[in-house]
């Protein structure tokens, strides 16, 4: 079984409103692979390791569950595990 782990950082949280009253209806998270503008060969922190092995990634998630609204902020970092599904 092949698995993969990515380390992503929240780049933007966009709030959505709907209806006459403008009530909140969801959030969209935009995430990207962790990275710094430059890495020296001697810098081997975890973000550097992820950036070297998976230099580019992006993920957009629309959240409709009100219990999850406000739980994600710009700059937060998360591991995302990819495991085959049936």
N, C-alpha and C. Protein backbone atom coordinates (compact mmCIF):
# COMPACT_ATOMS: atom_id res chain seq x y z
N UNK A 1 0.84 -1.17 0.00
CA UNK A 1 0.00 0.00 0.00
C UNK A 1 0.89 1.24 0.00
N UNK A 2 0.62 2.16 -0.89
CA UNK A 2 1.38 3.40 -1.00
C UNK A 2 0.69 4.49 -0.19
N UNK A 3 1.47 5.19 0.61
CA UNK A 3 0.94 6.33 1.35
C UNK A 3 1.88 7.51 1.14
N UNK A 4 1.38 8.69 1.40
CA UNK A 4 2.18 9.88 1.27
C UNK A 4 1.73 10.87 2.33
N UNK A 5 2.67 11.62 2.88
CA UNK A 5 2.35 12.67 3.83
C UNK A 5 2.84 13.99 3.27
N UNK A 6 1.96 14.98 3.25
CA UNK A 6 2.32 16.33 2.83
C UNK A 6 2.23 17.24 4.04
N UNK A 7 2.98 18.32 4.01
CA UNK A 7 2.87 19.34 5.06
C UNK A 7 2.45 20.62 4.37
N UNK A 8 1.24 21.07 4.70
CA UNK A 8 0.65 22.21 4.03
C UNK A 8 0.42 23.36 5.02
N UNK A 9 0.42 24.56 4.48
CA UNK A 9 0.21 25.76 5.27
C UNK A 9 -0.99 26.52 4.72
N UNK A 10 -1.83 27.04 5.63
CA UNK A 10 -2.99 27.82 5.21
C UNK A 10 -2.51 29.15 4.65
N UNK A 11 -2.85 29.42 3.40
CA UNK A 11 -2.49 30.67 2.77
C UNK A 11 -3.61 31.69 2.83
N UNK A 12 -4.87 31.18 2.88
CA UNK A 12 -6.00 32.10 2.89
C UNK A 12 -7.23 31.38 3.44
N UNK A 13 -8.01 32.11 4.22
CA UNK A 13 -9.33 31.64 4.65
C UNK A 13 -10.33 32.67 4.16
N UNK A 14 -11.24 32.22 3.31
CA UNK A 14 -12.25 33.12 2.75
C UNK A 14 -13.62 32.75 3.30
N UNK A 15 -14.30 33.74 3.85
CA UNK A 15 -15.63 33.53 4.41
C UNK A 15 -16.68 33.77 3.33
N UNK A 16 -17.75 32.95 3.36
CA UNK A 16 -18.84 33.10 2.39
C UNK A 16 -20.14 33.38 3.14
N UNK A 17 -20.93 34.27 2.58
CA UNK A 17 -22.23 34.62 3.16
C UNK A 17 -23.30 34.44 2.11
N UNK A 18 -24.52 34.12 2.57
CA UNK A 18 -25.59 33.81 1.63
C UNK A 18 -26.92 34.27 2.17
N UNK A 19 -27.82 34.57 1.28
CA UNK A 19 -29.20 34.89 1.65
C UNK A 19 -29.42 36.36 1.93
N UNK A 20 -30.69 36.69 2.17
CA UNK A 20 -31.08 38.08 2.42
C UNK A 20 -30.37 38.67 3.63
N UNK A 21 -30.23 37.85 4.67
CA UNK A 21 -29.60 38.34 5.90
C UNK A 21 -28.08 38.30 5.86
N UNK A 22 -27.51 37.73 4.81
CA UNK A 22 -26.06 37.68 4.68
C UNK A 22 -25.39 36.77 5.70
N UNK A 23 -26.12 35.77 6.16
CA UNK A 23 -25.58 34.84 7.16
C UNK A 23 -24.42 34.05 6.58
N UNK A 24 -23.48 33.72 7.44
CA UNK A 24 -22.32 32.93 7.01
C UNK A 24 -22.80 31.57 6.53
N UNK A 25 -22.29 31.15 5.37
CA UNK A 25 -22.69 29.88 4.79
C UNK A 25 -21.52 28.93 4.58
N UNK A 26 -20.30 29.40 4.79
CA UNK A 26 -19.15 28.52 4.62
C UNK A 26 -17.84 29.26 4.62
N UNK A 27 -16.78 28.49 4.54
CA UNK A 27 -15.41 29.01 4.42
C UNK A 27 -14.68 28.21 3.35
N UNK A 28 -13.77 28.86 2.67
CA UNK A 28 -12.89 28.17 1.74
C UNK A 28 -11.46 28.34 2.24
N UNK A 29 -10.78 27.20 2.41
CA UNK A 29 -9.36 27.21 2.80
C UNK A 29 -8.52 27.00 1.55
N UNK A 30 -7.51 27.82 1.39
CA UNK A 30 -6.53 27.61 0.34
C UNK A 30 -5.22 27.32 1.03
N UNK A 31 -4.64 26.18 0.71
CA UNK A 31 -3.40 25.74 1.36
C UNK A 31 -2.32 25.51 0.31
N UNK A 32 -1.06 25.61 0.73
CA UNK A 32 0.07 25.38 -0.17
C UNK A 32 1.15 24.63 0.59
N UNK A 33 2.06 24.02 -0.16
CA UNK A 33 3.17 23.30 0.46
C UNK A 33 4.02 24.26 1.29
N UNK A 34 4.54 23.78 2.42
CA UNK A 34 5.41 24.62 3.24
C UNK A 34 6.66 24.97 2.46
N UNK A 35 7.13 26.19 2.66
CA UNK A 35 8.33 26.64 1.97
C UNK A 35 8.79 27.96 2.56
N UNK A 36 10.06 28.25 2.38
CA UNK A 36 10.62 29.56 2.70
C UNK A 36 11.12 30.14 1.37
N UNK A 37 11.35 31.44 1.31
CA UNK A 37 11.84 32.01 0.04
C UNK A 37 13.14 31.36 -0.44
N UNK A 38 14.04 31.05 0.48
CA UNK A 38 15.28 30.37 0.11
C UNK A 38 15.68 29.42 1.24
N UNK A 39 16.40 28.39 0.88
CA UNK A 39 16.95 27.44 1.85
C UNK A 39 18.43 27.27 1.58
N UNK A 40 19.22 27.39 2.62
CA UNK A 40 20.64 27.08 2.50
C UNK A 40 20.80 25.57 2.61
N UNK A 41 21.85 25.04 2.03
CA UNK A 41 22.08 23.59 2.10
C UNK A 41 22.22 23.10 3.53
N UNK A 42 22.57 23.98 4.44
CA UNK A 42 22.77 23.58 5.83
C UNK A 42 21.49 23.65 6.65
N UNK A 43 20.41 24.17 6.09
CA UNK A 43 19.15 24.27 6.83
C UNK A 43 18.34 23.00 6.63
N UNK A 44 18.22 22.22 7.67
CA UNK A 44 17.50 20.96 7.56
C UNK A 44 16.39 20.86 8.59
N UNK A 45 15.55 21.90 8.69
CA UNK A 45 14.39 21.80 9.54
C UNK A 45 13.32 20.97 8.81
N UNK A 46 12.25 20.66 9.49
CA UNK A 46 11.24 19.79 8.90
C UNK A 46 10.61 20.42 7.65
N UNK A 47 10.32 21.72 7.69
CA UNK A 47 9.74 22.38 6.52
C UNK A 47 10.66 22.26 5.32
N UNK A 48 11.95 22.39 5.54
CA UNK A 48 12.93 22.27 4.46
C UNK A 48 12.87 20.87 3.85
N UNK A 49 12.79 19.85 4.70
CA UNK A 49 12.74 18.48 4.21
C UNK A 49 11.51 18.27 3.33
N UNK A 50 10.35 18.74 3.80
CA UNK A 50 9.14 18.59 3.00
C UNK A 50 9.25 19.38 1.71
N UNK A 51 9.79 20.60 1.77
CA UNK A 51 9.90 21.45 0.57
C UNK A 51 10.84 20.83 -0.46
N UNK A 52 11.89 20.19 -0.02
CA UNK A 52 12.83 19.58 -0.96
C UNK A 52 12.24 18.35 -1.65
N UNK A 53 11.43 17.57 -0.90
CA UNK A 53 10.89 16.33 -1.46
C UNK A 53 9.57 16.53 -2.20
N UNK A 54 8.82 17.53 -1.83
CA UNK A 54 7.55 17.86 -2.51
C UNK A 54 7.49 19.37 -2.65
N UNK A 55 8.20 19.91 -3.62
CA UNK A 55 8.36 21.36 -3.69
C UNK A 55 7.11 22.15 -4.04
N UNK A 56 6.09 21.52 -4.54
CA UNK A 56 4.91 22.28 -4.91
C UNK A 56 3.64 21.51 -4.63
N UNK A 57 2.68 22.17 -4.01
CA UNK A 57 1.37 21.56 -3.76
C UNK A 57 0.38 22.67 -3.46
N UNK A 58 -0.87 22.43 -3.84
CA UNK A 58 -1.93 23.35 -3.45
C UNK A 58 -3.19 22.54 -3.21
N UNK A 59 -4.01 23.04 -2.30
CA UNK A 59 -5.23 22.35 -1.92
C UNK A 59 -6.27 23.39 -1.55
N UNK A 60 -7.48 23.23 -2.09
CA UNK A 60 -8.58 24.10 -1.75
C UNK A 60 -9.70 23.25 -1.17
N UNK A 61 -10.20 23.65 -0.01
CA UNK A 61 -11.27 22.91 0.66
C UNK A 61 -12.40 23.88 1.00
N UNK A 62 -13.62 23.51 0.60
CA UNK A 62 -14.80 24.28 0.97
C UNK A 62 -15.41 23.64 2.21
N UNK A 63 -15.58 24.42 3.26
CA UNK A 63 -16.08 23.89 4.53
C UNK A 63 -17.51 24.38 4.75
N UNK A 64 -18.46 23.45 4.80
CA UNK A 64 -19.86 23.78 5.04
C UNK A 64 -20.26 23.52 6.49
N UNK A 65 -19.45 22.78 7.23
CA UNK A 65 -19.76 22.42 8.62
C UNK A 65 -19.49 23.60 9.55
N UNK A 66 -20.54 24.19 10.14
CA UNK A 66 -20.35 25.34 11.03
C UNK A 66 -19.43 25.07 12.22
N UNK A 67 -19.35 23.81 12.65
CA UNK A 67 -18.48 23.47 13.78
C UNK A 67 -17.00 23.66 13.44
N UNK A 68 -16.67 23.72 12.14
CA UNK A 68 -15.27 23.87 11.73
C UNK A 68 -14.92 25.30 11.34
N UNK A 69 -15.92 26.18 11.22
CA UNK A 69 -15.64 27.57 10.86
C UNK A 69 -14.82 28.22 11.95
N UNK A 70 -13.83 28.97 11.55
CA UNK A 70 -12.99 29.68 12.50
C UNK A 70 -11.91 28.83 13.14
N UNK A 71 -11.79 27.58 12.72
CA UNK A 71 -10.79 26.67 13.30
C UNK A 71 -9.45 26.73 12.56
N UNK A 72 -9.42 27.42 11.41
CA UNK A 72 -8.22 27.49 10.60
C UNK A 72 -7.84 28.95 10.40
N UNK A 73 -6.55 29.24 10.49
CA UNK A 73 -6.09 30.62 10.34
C UNK A 73 -4.89 30.67 9.40
N UNK A 74 -4.72 31.81 8.76
CA UNK A 74 -3.58 32.03 7.87
C UNK A 74 -2.29 31.68 8.62
N UNK A 75 -1.43 30.88 7.97
CA UNK A 75 -0.15 30.50 8.55
C UNK A 75 -0.16 29.18 9.31
N UNK A 76 -1.35 28.68 9.70
CA UNK A 76 -1.40 27.37 10.37
C UNK A 76 -0.83 26.30 9.46
N UNK A 77 -0.16 25.32 10.04
CA UNK A 77 0.43 24.21 9.28
C UNK A 77 -0.22 22.90 9.68
N UNK A 78 -0.41 22.03 8.68
CA UNK A 78 -1.06 20.75 8.91
C UNK A 78 -0.38 19.66 8.10
N UNK A 79 -0.36 18.46 8.67
CA UNK A 79 0.02 17.28 7.91
C UNK A 79 -1.23 16.77 7.21
N UNK A 80 -1.07 16.38 5.97
CA UNK A 80 -2.16 15.79 5.22
C UNK A 80 -1.68 14.42 4.74
N UNK A 81 -2.35 13.38 5.21
CA UNK A 81 -1.96 12.02 4.88
C UNK A 81 -2.84 11.48 3.77
N UNK A 82 -2.20 10.90 2.75
CA UNK A 82 -2.90 10.30 1.63
C UNK A 82 -2.78 8.78 1.76
N UNK A 83 -3.91 8.14 1.99
CA UNK A 83 -3.97 6.70 2.14
C UNK A 83 -5.02 6.19 1.16
N UNK A 84 -4.74 5.14 0.43
CA UNK A 84 -5.73 4.65 -0.53
C UNK A 84 -7.09 4.40 0.12
N UNK A 85 -8.14 4.75 -0.60
CA UNK A 85 -9.50 4.51 -0.15
C UNK A 85 -10.16 3.47 -1.03
N UNK A 86 -11.13 2.82 -0.50
CA UNK A 86 -11.85 1.79 -1.27
C UNK A 86 -13.11 2.37 -1.83
